PDB file of N, CA and C in Angstrom:
ATOM      1  N   MET A   1      39.958 119.316 106.310  1.00  0.00           N
ATOM      2  CA  MET A   1      41.215 119.696 107.163  1.00  0.00           C
ATOM      3  C   MET A   1      40.632 120.201 108.119  1.00  0.00           C
ATOM      4  N   THR A   2      41.241 119.637 109.001  1.00  0.00           N
ATOM      5  CA  THR A   2      41.553 121.081 110.461  1.00  0.00           C
ATOM      6  C   THR A   2      42.808 121.809 110.247  1.00  0.00           C
ATOM      7  N   ILE A   3      42.301 122.776 110.676  1.00  0.00           N
ATOM      8  CA  ILE A   3      43.157 124.469 110.075  1.00  0.00           C
ATOM      9  C   ILE A   3      44.100 124.420 111.588  1.00  0.00           C
ATOM     10  N   ARG A   4      45.515 124.280 112.188  1.00  0.00           N
ATOM     11  CA  ARG A   4      46.202 124.334 113.146  1.00  0.00           C
ATOM     12  C   ARG A   4      46.877 125.310 113.667  1.00  0.00           C
ATOM     13  N   VAL A   5      46.731 126.199 114.010  1.00  0.00           N
ATOM     14  CA  VAL A   5      47.279 126.924 114.492  1.00  0.00           C
ATOM     15  C   VAL A   5      48.555 126.687 115.375  1.00  0.00           C
ATOM     16  N   LEU A   6      50.222 126.908 115.116  1.00  0.00           N
ATOM     17  CA  LEU A   6      50.859 126.575 115.832  1.00  0.00           C
ATOM     18  C   LEU A   6      51.374 127.255 117.225  1.00  0.00           C
ATOM     19  N   THR A   7      51.486 126.831 118.718  1.00  0.00           N
ATOM     20  CA  THR A   7      51.588 127.516 119.159  1.00  0.00           C
ATOM     21  C   THR A   7      52.738 127.130 120.052  1.00  0.00           C
ATOM     22  N   GLU A   8      53.340 125.590 119.455  1.00  0.00           N
ATOM     23  CA  GLU A   8      54.808 125.161 119.156  1.00  0.00           C
ATOM     24  C   GLU A   8      55.076 124.451 118.638  1.00  0.00           C
ATOM     25  N   PRO A   9      56.468 124.445 119.191  1.00  0.00           N
ATOM     26  CA  PRO A   9      57.288 123.392 117.570  1.00  0.00           C
ATOM     27  C   PRO A   9      56.336 122.234 117.661  1.00  0.00           C
ATOM     28  N   ILE A  10      56.710 122.033 116.058  1.00  0.00           N
ATOM     29  CA  ILE A  10      55.953 120.604 115.233  1.00  0.00           C
ATOM     30  C   ILE A  10      56.670 119.846 114.320  1.00  0.00           C
ATOM     31  N   SER A  11      56.967 117.892 114.821  1.00  0.00           N
ATOM     32  CA  SER A  11      58.115 118.005 114.266  1.00  0.00           C
ATOM     33  C   SER A  11      57.313 117.686 112.544  1.00  0.00           C
ATOM     34  N   LEU A  12      58.970 117.698 111.754  1.00  0.00           N
ATOM     35  CA  LEU A  12      58.182 117.654 110.226  1.00  0.00           C
ATOM     36  C   LEU A  12      57.691 115.968 110.354  1.00  0.00           C
ATOM     37  N   ALA A  13      57.544 115.162 111.033  1.00  0.00           N
ATOM     38  CA  ALA A  13      57.048 113.751 110.508  1.00  0.00           C
ATOM     39  C   ALA A  13      55.664 113.844 111.372  1.00  0.00           C
ATOM     40  N   ASP A  14      55.175 115.075 111.941  1.00  0.00           N
ATOM     41  CA  ASP A  14      53.708 115.103 111.996  1.00  0.00           C
ATOM     42  C   ASP A  14      53.151 116.228 111.487  1.00  0.00           C
ATOM     43  N   ILE A  15      53.598 116.986 111.244  1.00  0.00           N
ATOM     44  CA  ILE A  15      53.213 117.823 109.478  1.00  0.00           C
ATOM     45  C   ILE A  15      52.940 116.619 108.644  1.00  0.00           C
ATOM     46  N   ARG A  16      54.046 115.937 108.028  1.00  0.00           N
ATOM     47  CA  ARG A  16      53.418 114.837 107.034  1.00  0.00           C
ATOM     48  C   ARG A  16      51.995 114.427 106.971  1.00  0.00           C
ATOM     49  N   HIS A  17      52.498 113.988 108.818  1.00  0.00           N
ATOM     50  CA  HIS A  17      50.715 113.062 109.006  1.00  0.00           C
ATOM     51  C   HIS A  17      50.077 114.183 108.776  1.00  0.00           C
ATOM     52  N   LEU A  18      50.272 115.376 109.224  1.00  0.00           N
ATOM     53  CA  LEU A  18      48.612 115.780 109.131  1.00  0.00           C
ATOM     54  C   LEU A  18      48.480 116.322 107.098  1.00  0.00           C
ATOM     55  N   ALA A  19      49.356 116.127 106.168  1.00  0.00           N
ATOM     56  CA  ALA A  19      49.618 116.197 105.301  1.00  0.00           C
ATOM     57  C   ALA A  19      48.731 115.091 104.873  1.00  0.00           C
ATOM     58  N   GLU A  20      48.658 114.089 105.290  1.00  0.00           N
ATOM     59  CA  GLU A  20      48.094 112.894 104.614  1.00  0.00           C
ATOM     60  C   GLU A  20      46.370 113.225 104.739  1.00  0.00           C
ATOM     61  N   GLU A  21      46.098 114.226 105.152  1.00  0.00           N
ATOM     62  CA  GLU A  21      44.811 114.665 104.786  1.00  0.00           C
ATOM     63  C   GLU A  21      44.188 114.954 103.385  1.00  0.00           C
ATOM     64  N   THR A  22      44.887 115.414 103.338  1.00  0.00           N
ATOM     65  CA  THR A  22      44.632 116.372 101.793  1.00  0.00           C
ATOM     66  C   THR A  22      46.015 115.698 100.800  1.00  0.00           C
ATOM     67  N   TYR A  23      46.856 116.747 100.495  1.00  0.00           N
ATOM     68  CA  TYR A  23      48.017 116.516  99.489  1.00  0.00           C
ATOM     69  C   TYR A  23      48.617 115.930  99.575  1.00  0.00           C
ATOM     70  N   SER A  24      48.812 115.035 100.651  1.00  0.00           N
ATOM     71  CA  SER A  24      50.355 114.470 100.919  1.00  0.00           C
ATOM     72  C   SER A  24      51.409 114.760 100.874  1.00  0.00           C
ATOM     73  N   PHE A  25      52.044 115.072  99.677  1.00  0.00           N
ATOM     74  CA  PHE A  25      53.298 115.591  99.468  1.00  0.00           C
ATOM     75  C   PHE A  25      53.445 117.332  99.992  1.00  0.00           C
ATOM     76  N   MET A  26      52.912 117.902 100.154  1.00  0.00           N
ATOM     77  CA  MET A  26      53.221 118.976 101.491  1.00  0.00           C
ATOM     78  C   MET A  26      51.512 119.184 102.158  1.00  0.00           C
ATOM     79  N   ILE A  27      51.889 120.237 102.537  1.00  0.00           N
ATOM     80  CA  ILE A  27      50.635 121.449 103.499  1.00  0.00           C
ATOM     81  C   ILE A  27      50.737 122.684 103.651  1.00  0.00           C
ATOM     82  N   LYS A  28      49.696 123.060 103.120  1.00  0.00           N
ATOM     83  CA  LYS A  28      49.212 124.832 103.218  1.00  0.00           C
ATOM     84  C   LYS A  28      49.345 125.453 103.885  1.00  0.00           C
ATOM     85  N   GLY A  29      49.954 126.284 103.976  1.00  0.00           N
ATOM     86  CA  GLY A  29      50.336 127.327 105.604  1.00  0.00           C
ATOM     87  C   GLY A  29      50.002 129.144 105.076  1.00  0.00           C
ATOM     88  N   ALA A  30      49.574 129.591 106.099  1.00  0.00           N
ATOM     89  CA  ALA A  30      49.979 130.730 106.512  1.00  0.00           C
ATOM     90  C   ALA A  30      51.226 131.176 107.510  1.00  0.00           C
ATOM     91  N   VAL A  31      51.569 132.465 107.382  1.00  0.00           N
ATOM     92  CA  VAL A  31      52.506 133.079 108.463  1.00  0.00           C
ATOM     93  C   VAL A  31      52.364 134.917 108.294  1.00  0.00           C
ATOM     94  N   ASP A  32      51.861 135.500 110.208  1.00  0.00           N
ATOM     95  CA  ASP A  32      52.310 136.444 110.378  1.00  0.00           C
ATOM     96  C   ASP A  32      53.495 136.930 110.423  1.00  0.00           C
ATOM     97  N   ILE A  33      54.098 137.876 109.952  1.00  0.00           N
ATOM     98  CA  ILE A  33      54.870 138.039 109.936  1.00  0.00           C
ATOM     99  C   ILE A  33      55.828 138.742 110.816  1.00  0.00           C
ATOM    100  N   ALA A  34      54.609 139.417 111.480  1.00  0.00           N
ATOM    101  CA  ALA A  34      54.727 140.559 112.213  1.00  0.00           C
ATOM    102  C   ALA A  34      54.939 139.878 113.955  1.00  0.00           C
ATOM    103  N   THR A  35      54.105 138.926 113.889  1.00  0.00           N
ATOM    104  CA  THR A  35      54.104 138.109 115.697  1.00  0.00           C
ATOM    105  C   THR A  35      54.498 136.982 115.575  1.00  0.00           C
ATOM    106  N   HIS A  36      54.950 136.594 114.203  1.00  0.00           N
ATOM    107  CA  HIS A  36      55.523 135.564 114.136  1.00  0.00           C
ATOM    108  C   HIS A  36      55.013 133.658 114.651  1.00  0.00           C
ATOM    109  N   ARG A  37      53.386 134.277 113.893  1.00  0.00           N
ATOM    110  CA  ARG A  37      53.066 133.215 113.965  1.00  0.00           C
ATOM    111  C   ARG A  37      51.968 132.263 112.896  1.00  0.00           C
ATOM    112  N   VAL A  38      52.380 131.005 112.918  1.00  0.00           N
ATOM    113  CA  VAL A  38      51.757 129.735 111.841  1.00  0.00           C
ATOM    114  C   VAL A  38      50.483 129.193 111.912  1.00  0.00           C
ATOM    115  N   ALA A  39      50.031 129.106 111.292  1.00  0.00           N
ATOM    116  CA  ALA A  39      48.438 128.027 110.628  1.00  0.00           C
ATOM    117  C   ALA A  39      48.908 127.147 109.711  1.00  0.00           C
ATOM    118  N   ILE A  40      48.867 126.280 109.900  1.00  0.00           N
ATOM    119  CA  ILE A  40      49.175 124.951 108.707  1.00  0.00           C
ATOM    120  C   ILE A  40      47.597 124.183 108.832  1.00  0.00           C
ATOM    121  N   GLY A  41      47.232 123.386 107.286  1.00  0.00           N
ATOM    122  CA  GLY A  41      46.385 122.912 106.906  1.00  0.00           C
ATOM    123  C   GLY A  41      45.814 123.247 105.764  1.00  0.00           C
ATOM    124  N   GLY A  42      44.529 122.864 105.683  1.00  0.00           N
ATOM    125  CA  GLY A  42      43.905 123.188 104.787  1.00  0.00           C
ATOM    126  C   GLY A  42      43.613 123.159 103.493  1.00  0.00           C
ATOM    127  N   ASP A  43      42.545 123.168 102.888  1.00  0.00           N
ATOM    128  CA  ASP A  43      42.969 123.170 101.392  1.00  0.00           C
ATOM    129  C   ASP A  43      42.907 123.886 100.386  1.00  0.00           C
ATOM    130  N   TYR A  44      42.669 125.509 101.105  1.00  0.00           N
ATOM    131  CA  TYR A  44      43.161 126.786 100.863  1.00  0.00           C
ATOM    132  C   TYR A  44      44.034 127.289 101.544  1.00  0.00           C
ATOM    133  N   HIS A  45      44.989 128.267 101.493  1.00  0.00           N
ATOM    134  CA  HIS A  45      45.933 129.234 102.316  1.00  0.00           C
ATOM    135  C   HIS A  45      44.608 130.260 103.357  1.00  0.00           C
ATOM    136  N   ILE A  46      43.682 131.180 102.230  1.00  0.00           N
ATOM    137  CA  ILE A  46      42.667 131.286 102.628  1.00  0.00           C
ATOM    138  C   ILE A  46      42.313 130.814 104.240  1.00  0.00           C
ATOM    139  N   GLU A  47      41.841 129.949 104.240  1.00  0.00           N
ATOM    140  CA  GLU A  47      41.624 129.230 105.301  1.00  0.00           C
ATOM    141  C   GLU A  47      42.446 129.727 106.691  1.00  0.00           C
ATOM    142  N   SER A  48      43.484 129.203 106.639  1.00  0.00           N
ATOM    143  CA  SER A  48      44.874 129.793 107.690  1.00  0.00           C
ATOM    144  C   SER A  48      44.820 130.765 107.677  1.00  0.00           C
ATOM    145  N   CYS A  49      44.833 131.142 106.606  1.00  0.00           N
ATOM    146  CA  CYS A  49      44.569 132.812 106.543  1.00  0.00           C
ATOM    147  C   CYS A  49      43.921 133.856 107.770  1.00  0.00           C
ATOM    148  N   GLU A  50      42.625 133.781 106.853  1.00  0.00           N
ATOM    149  CA  GLU A  50      41.219 134.199 108.620  1.00  0.00           C
ATOM    150  C   GLU A  50      41.603 133.312 109.748  1.00  0.00           C
ATOM    151  N   GLU A  51      41.972 131.910 110.413  1.00  0.00           N
ATOM    152  CA  GLU A  51      42.151 131.543 111.123  1.00  0.00           C
ATOM    153  C   GLU A  51      43.472 132.509 111.611  1.00  0.00           C
ATOM    154  N   LEU A  52      44.463 133.678 111.266  1.00  0.00           N
ATOM    155  CA  LEU A  52      45.369 134.404 112.161  1.00  0.00           C
ATOM    156  C   LEU A  52      44.677 135.624 112.359  1.00  0.00           C
ATOM    157  N   VAL A  53      43.684 135.860 111.024  1.00  0.00           N
ATOM    158  CA  VAL A  53      43.594 136.753 111.550  1.00  0.00           C
ATOM    159  C   VAL A  53      42.164 136.715 112.326  1.00  0.00           C
ATOM    160  N   ARG A  54      41.389 135.548 112.525  1.00  0.00           N
ATOM    161  CA  ARG A  54      40.655 135.768 113.982  1.00  0.00           C
ATOM    162  C   ARG A  54      41.408 135.753 115.300  1.00  0.00           C
ATOM    163  N   GLY A  55      42.817 135.434 115.269  1.00  0.00           N
ATOM    164  CA  GLY A  55      43.031 135.096 116.121  1.00  0.00           C
ATOM    165  C   GLY A  55      43.851 136.828 116.341  1.00  0.00           C
ATOM    166  N   GLY A  56      43.457 137.696 115.461  1.00  0.00           N
ATOM    167  CA  GLY A  56      44.460 139.319 115.369  1.00  0.00           C
ATOM    168  C   GLY A  56      45.798 139.523 115.061  1.00  0.00           C
ATOM    169  N   SER A  57      45.785 138.697 114.022  1.00  0.00           N
ATOM    170  CA  SER A  57      46.752 139.142 113.175  1.00  0.00           C
ATOM    171  C   SER A  57      46.274 140.067 111.963  1.00  0.00           C
ATOM    172  N   ALA A  58      46.991 140.984 111.954  1.00  0.00           N
ATOM    173  CA  ALA A  58      46.769 141.830 110.734  1.00  0.00           C
ATOM    174  C   ALA A  58      46.532 141.483 108.978  1.00  0.00           C
ATOM    175  N   ASN A  59      45.790 141.224 108.496  1.00  0.00           N
ATOM    176  CA  ASN A  59      45.915 140.764 107.159  1.00  0.00           C
ATOM    177  C   ASN A  59      47.005 140.663 106.521  1.00  0.00           C
ATOM    178  N   GLU A  60      47.809 142.621 106.182  1.00  0.00           N
ATOM    179  CA  GLU A  60      48.874 142.735 105.823  1.00  0.00           C
ATOM    180  C   GLU A  60      49.696 141.896 105.755  1.00  0.00           C
ATOM    181  N   TYR A  61      50.045 141.242 106.956  1.00  0.00           N
ATOM    182  CA  TYR A  61      51.354 140.871 108.018  1.00  0.00           C
ATOM    183  C   TYR A  61      51.032 138.927 107.514  1.00  0.00           C
ATOM    184  N   VAL A  62      50.366 138.973 107.248  1.00  0.00           N
ATOM    185  CA  VAL A  62      49.424 136.914 106.200  1.00  0.00           C
ATOM    186  C   VAL A  62      50.195 137.296 105.514  1.00  0.00           C
ATOM    187  N   TRP A  63      51.624 136.186 105.083  1.00  0.00           N
ATOM    188  CA  TRP A  63      51.968 135.527 103.990  1.00  0.00           C
ATOM    189  C   TRP A  63      51.476 133.760 103.527  1.00  0.00           C
ATOM    190  N   GLY A  64      51.043 133.150 102.439  1.00  0.00           N
ATOM    191  CA  GLY A  64      50.933 131.907 102.126  1.00  0.00           C
ATOM    192  C   GLY A  64      51.979 131.628 101.586  1.00  0.00           C
ATOM    193  N   PHE A  65      52.291 130.096 102.060  1.00  0.00           N
ATOM    194  CA  PHE A  65      53.330 129.045 101.783  1.00  0.00           C
ATOM    195  C   PHE A  65      53.162 127.662 101.825  1.00  0.00           C
ATOM    196  N   ASN A  66      53.786 127.080 101.170  1.00  0.00           N
ATOM    197  CA  ASN A  66      53.332 125.524 101.477  1.00  0.00           C
ATOM    198  C   ASN A  66      54.792 124.987 101.895  1.00  0.00           C
ATOM    199  N   ILE A  67      54.204 123.598 102.529  1.00  0.00           N
ATOM    200  CA  ILE A  67      55.265 123.302 103.124  1.00  0.00           C
ATOM    201  C   ILE A  67      55.449 121.814 101.915  1.00  0.00           C
ATOM    202  N   VAL A  68      56.437 121.604 100.700  1.00  0.00           N
ATOM    203  CA  VAL A  68      56.778 120.597 100.484  1.00  0.00           C
ATOM    204  C   VAL A  68      58.217 119.616 100.521  1.00  0.00           C
ATOM    205  N   PHE A  69      57.139 118.092 100.803  1.00  0.00           N
ATOM    206  CA  PHE A  69      58.737 117.384 101.804  1.00  0.00           C
ATOM    207  C   PHE A  69      59.643 116.977 100.744  1.00  0.00           C
ATOM    208  N   ASN A  70      60.336 116.735 101.030  1.00  0.00           N
ATOM    209  CA  ASN A  70      61.731 115.902  99.920  1.00  0.00           C
ATOM    210  C   ASN A  70      62.419 114.704 100.637  1.00  0.00           C
ATOM    211  N   ASP A  71      63.192 114.219  99.813  1.00  0.00           N
ATOM    212  CA  ASP A  71      63.699 112.993 100.840  1.00  0.00           C
ATOM    213  C   ASP A  71      64.441 113.502 102.286  1.00  0.00           C
ATOM    214  N   GLY A  72      65.090 114.467 102.091  1.00  0.00           N
ATOM    215  CA  GLY A  72      65.480 114.912 103.074  1.00  0.00           C
ATOM    216  C   GLY A  72      64.869 116.249 104.371  1.00  0.00           C
ATOM    217  N   GLY A  73      63.848 116.806 104.012  1.00  0.00           N
ATOM    218  CA  GLY A  73      62.942 117.594 104.628  1.00  0.00           C
ATOM    219  C   GLY A  73      62.219 117.973 104.074  1.00  0.00           C
ATOM    220  N   TYR A  74      62.503 119.034 103.642  1.00  0.00           N
ATOM    221  CA  TYR A  74      61.245 119.857 103.071  1.00  0.00           C
ATOM    222  C   TYR A  74      61.614 121.829 102.496  1.00  0.00           C
ATOM    223  N   ASP A  75      61.120 121.977 101.539  1.00  0.00           N
ATOM    224  CA  ASP A  75      61.626 123.033 100.638  1.00  0.00           C
ATOM    225  C   ASP A  75      60.512 123.912 100.870  1.00  0.00           C
ATOM    226  N   ILE A  76      60.293 125.377 101.327  1.00  0.00           N
ATOM    227  CA  ILE A  76      58.862 126.075 101.317  1.00  0.00           C
ATOM    228  C   ILE A  76      59.120 126.651 100.523  1.00  0.00           C
ATOM    229  N   GLU A  77      57.645 126.832  99.921  1.00  0.00           N
ATOM    230  CA  GLU A  77      56.984 127.702  98.034  1.00  0.00           C
ATOM    231  C   GLU A  77      56.480 128.852  98.939  1.00  0.00           C
ATOM    232  N   TYR A  78      56.950 129.987  98.252  1.00  0.00           N
ATOM    233  CA  TYR A  78      56.237 131.289  98.209  1.00  0.00           C
ATOM    234  C   TYR A  78      54.895 131.640  97.653  1.00  0.00           C
ATOM    235  N   ASP A  79      53.934 130.438  97.360  1.00  0.00           N
ATOM    236  CA  ASP A  79      52.768 131.124  96.415  1.00  0.00           C
ATOM    237  C   ASP A  79      51.757 130.570  96.530  1.00  0.00           C
ATOM    238  N   SER A  80      50.970 132.155  96.325  1.00  0.00           N
ATOM    239  CA  SER A  80      49.464 131.805  97.055  1.00  0.00           C
ATOM    240  C   SER A  80      48.876 132.946  96.503  1.00  0.00           C
ATOM    241  N   LEU A  81      47.319 132.755  96.642  1.00  0.00           N
ATOM    242  CA  LEU A  81      46.820 133.736  96.190  1.00  0.00           C
ATOM    243  C   LEU A  81      46.786 135.163  96.768  1.00  0.00           C
ATOM    244  N   ILE A  82      46.600 134.477  98.185  1.00  0.00           N
ATOM    245  CA  ILE A  82      46.780 135.965  99.447  1.00  0.00           C
ATOM    246  C   ILE A  82      47.770 136.765  99.729  1.00  0.00           C
ATOM    247  N   ASN A  83      49.059 135.985  98.719  1.00  0.00           N
ATOM    248  CA  ASN A  83      50.159 136.781  98.545  1.00  0.00           C
ATOM    249  C   ASN A  83      50.203 138.134  97.837  1.00  0.00           C
ATOM    250  N   ILE A  84      48.964 137.788  97.422  1.00  0.00           N
ATOM    251  CA  ILE A  84      48.227 139.186  95.747  1.00  0.00           C
ATOM    252  C   ILE A  84      48.148 140.401  97.000  1.00  0.00           C
ATOM    253  N   LYS A  85      48.982 141.728  96.684  1.00  0.00           N
ATOM    254  CA  LYS A  85      48.849 142.239  98.538  1.00  0.00           C
ATOM    255  C   LYS A  85      49.877 143.965  97.153  1.00  0.00           C
ATOM    256  N   PRO A  86      48.895 144.386  96.525  1.00  0.00           N
ATOM    257  CA  PRO A  86      49.183 145.371  96.110  1.00  0.00           C
ATOM    258  C   PRO A  86      50.169 146.635  96.522  1.00  0.00           C
ATOM    259  N   ALA A  87      49.253 146.628  97.826  1.00  0.00           N
ATOM    260  CA  ALA A  87      49.248 147.777  99.083  1.00  0.00           C
ATOM    261  C   ALA A  87      50.807 147.550  99.242  1.00  0.00           C
ATOM    262  N   LYS A  88      51.533 146.175  99.113  1.00  0.00           N
ATOM    263  CA  LYS A  88      52.421 145.592  99.686  1.00  0.00           C
ATOM    264  C   LYS A  88      53.638 145.882  98.262  1.00  0.00           C
ATOM    265  N   SER A  89      53.397 146.624  97.242  1.00  0.00           N
ATOM    266  CA  SER A  89      54.262 146.041  95.788  1.00  0.00           C
ATOM    267  C   SER A  89      53.926 144.792  95.766  1.00  0.00           C
ATOM    268  N   ASN A  90      53.058 143.664  95.982  1.00  0.00           N
ATOM    269  CA  ASN A  90      53.532 142.662  95.826  1.00  0.00           C
ATOM    270  C   ASN A  90      52.361 141.993  94.537  1.00  0.00           C
ATOM    271  N   ARG A  91      52.551 142.265  93.178  1.00  0.00           N
ATOM    272  CA  ARG A  91      51.683 142.431  92.694  1.00  0.00           C
ATOM    273  C   ARG A  91      51.098 140.651  91.621  1.00  0.00           C
ATOM    274  N   SER A  92      51.887 139.898  92.342  1.00  0.00           N
ATOM    275  CA  SER A  92      51.839 138.131  91.749  1.00  0.00           C
ATOM    276  C   SER A  92      51.801 137.036  92.787  1.00  0.00           C
ATOM    277  N   ARG A  93      51.096 135.967  93.136  1.00  0.00           N
ATOM    278  CA  ARG A  93      50.720 135.138  93.535  1.00  0.00           C
ATOM    279  C   ARG A  93      52.439 134.668  94.598  1.00  0.00           C
ATOM    280  N   LEU A  94      53.387 134.765  93.940  1.00  0.00           N
ATOM    281  CA  LEU A  94      54.890 134.800  94.692  1.00  0.00           C
ATOM    282  C   LEU A  94      55.527 135.774  94.611  1.00  0.00           C
ATOM    283  N   VAL A  95      55.687 135.671  96.344  1.00  0.00           N
ATOM    284  CA  VAL A  95      56.039 136.377  97.378  1.00  0.00           C
ATOM    285  C   VAL A  95      57.863 137.062  96.760  1.00  0.00           C
ATOM    286  N   GLU A  96      57.427 138.351  96.625  1.00  0.00           N
ATOM    287  CA  GLU A  96      58.561 138.857  95.329  1.00  0.00           C
ATOM    288  C   GLU A  96      59.540 139.654  96.440  1.00  0.00           C
ATOM    289  N   ASP A  97      59.513 140.268  97.539  1.00  0.00           N
ATOM    290  CA  ASP A  97      60.758 141.235  98.448  1.00  0.00           C
ATOM    291  C   ASP A  97      60.972 139.939  98.895  1.00  0.00           C
ATOM    292  N   GLU A  98      62.585 139.142  98.874  1.00  0.00           N
ATOM    293  CA  GLU A  98      63.474 138.386  99.786  1.00  0.00           C
ATOM    294  C   GLU A  98      63.534 139.317 100.736  1.00  0.00           C
ATOM    295  N   ASN A  99      63.288 140.016 101.719  1.00  0.00           N
ATOM    296  CA  ASN A  99      62.929 140.502 103.025  1.00  0.00           C
ATOM    297  C   ASN A  99      61.867 139.679 103.680  1.00  0.00           C
ATOM    298  N   VAL A 100      60.739 139.820 103.017  1.00  0.00           N
ATOM    299  CA  VAL A 100      59.109 138.791 103.366  1.00  0.00           C
ATOM    300  C   VAL A 100      59.358 137.615 103.630  1.00  0.00           C
ATOM    301  N   ARG A 101      60.221 137.281 102.274  1.00  0.00           N
ATOM    302  CA  ARG A 101      60.423 135.819 102.392  1.00  0.00           C
ATOM    303  C   ARG A 101      61.836 135.254 103.291  1.00  0.00           C
ATOM    304  N   THR A 102      62.269 135.644 103.955  1.00  0.00           N
ATOM    305  CA  THR A 102      63.623 135.795 104.627  1.00  0.00           C
ATOM    306  C   THR A 102      61.977 135.621 105.914  1.00  0.00           C
ATOM    307  N   ALA A 103      62.119 136.727 106.316  1.00  0.00           N
ATOM    308  CA  ALA A 103      61.164 136.946 107.453  1.00  0.00           C
ATOM    309  C   ALA A 103      59.916 135.441 108.085  1.00  0.00           C
ATOM    310  N   MET A 104      59.657 135.551 106.903  1.00  0.00           N
ATOM    311  CA  MET A 104      58.808 133.793 106.587  1.00  0.00           C
ATOM    312  C   MET A 104      59.116 133.150 107.072  1.00  0.00           C
ATOM    313  N   ARG A 105      60.639 132.397 106.229  1.00  0.00           N
ATOM    314  CA  ARG A 105      61.119 131.104 106.361  1.00  0.00           C
ATOM    315  C   ARG A 105      61.447 130.916 107.936  1.00  0.00           C
ATOM    316  N   LYS A 106      62.266 132.544 108.766  1.00  0.00           N
ATOM    317  CA  LYS A 106      62.294 132.240 109.834  1.00  0.00           C
ATOM    318  C   LYS A 106      61.402 131.862 110.394  1.00  0.00           C
ATOM    319  N   THR A 107      60.203 132.101 110.089  1.00  0.00           N
ATOM    320  CA  THR A 107      58.820 131.584 111.754  1.00  0.00           C
ATOM    321  C   THR A 107      58.994 130.800 111.358  1.00  0.00           C
ATOM    322  N   ILE A 108      58.521 130.522 109.887  1.00  0.00           N
ATOM    323  CA  ILE A 108      58.084 128.613 109.838  1.00  0.00           C
ATOM    324  C   ILE A 108      59.348 127.954 110.388  1.00  0.00           C
ATOM    325  N   SER A 109      60.416 128.303 110.393  1.00  0.00           N
ATOM    326  CA  SER A 109      61.844 127.126 110.366  1.00  0.00           C
ATOM    327  C   SER A 109      61.614 126.639 112.262  1.00  0.00           C
ATOM    328  N   SER A 110      61.384 128.280 112.474  1.00  0.00           N
ATOM    329  CA  SER A 110      61.216 128.095 114.268  1.00  0.00           C
ATOM    330  C   SER A 110      60.171 126.975 114.768  1.00  0.00           C
ATOM    331  N   PHE A 111      59.006 126.556 114.004  1.00  0.00           N
ATOM    332  CA  PHE A 111      58.431 125.788 114.586  1.00  0.00           C
ATOM    333  C   PHE A 111      58.163 124.288 114.167  1.00  0.00           C
ATOM    334  N   VAL A 112      59.110 124.271 112.266  1.00  0.00           N
ATOM    335  CA  VAL A 112      59.249 122.843 112.234  1.00  0.00           C
ATOM    336  C   VAL A 112      60.701 121.849 112.820  1.00  0.00           C
ATOM    337  N   THR A 113      60.499 121.218 112.974  1.00  0.00           N
ATOM    338  CA  THR A 113      61.608 120.018 114.489  1.00  0.00           C
ATOM    339  C   THR A 113      61.838 119.622 113.215  1.00  0.00           C
ATOM    340  N   ASP A 114      62.807 118.740 113.843  1.00  0.00           N
ATOM    341  CA  ASP A 114      63.545 117.533 112.784  1.00  0.00           C
ATOM    342  C   ASP A 114      62.771 116.095 113.790  1.00  0.00           C
ATOM    343  N   ALA A 115      63.158 116.620 115.043  1.00  0.00           N
ATOM    344  CA  ALA A 115      62.785 115.029 116.185  1.00  0.00           C
ATOM    345  C   ALA A 115      60.945 114.071 115.069  1.00  0.00           C
TER     346      ALA A 115
END
């Protein structure tokens, strides 16, 4: 599956279509909370992370997530191996800091539209 770095908003329907290439019920991605950039797609979060880093993101600000589709829209899961960042006091796959989760959610939501 191709990794797509989002440069403009994308509809949830288009994200669902992209997800059909892999998991269908969800799509993996990475978000840079410093530069407010998002990449989605691929089999592994690291693929989206690497694409953001190649584009100038600092790895310490890139966090992994899943967009999981539900009946009314989507949920964000903050679970990824790239989230293990001991230097940022995150020692698990889950993003433990609510401030980081909030920053992730705001950036991701700014790219996902209902249309």
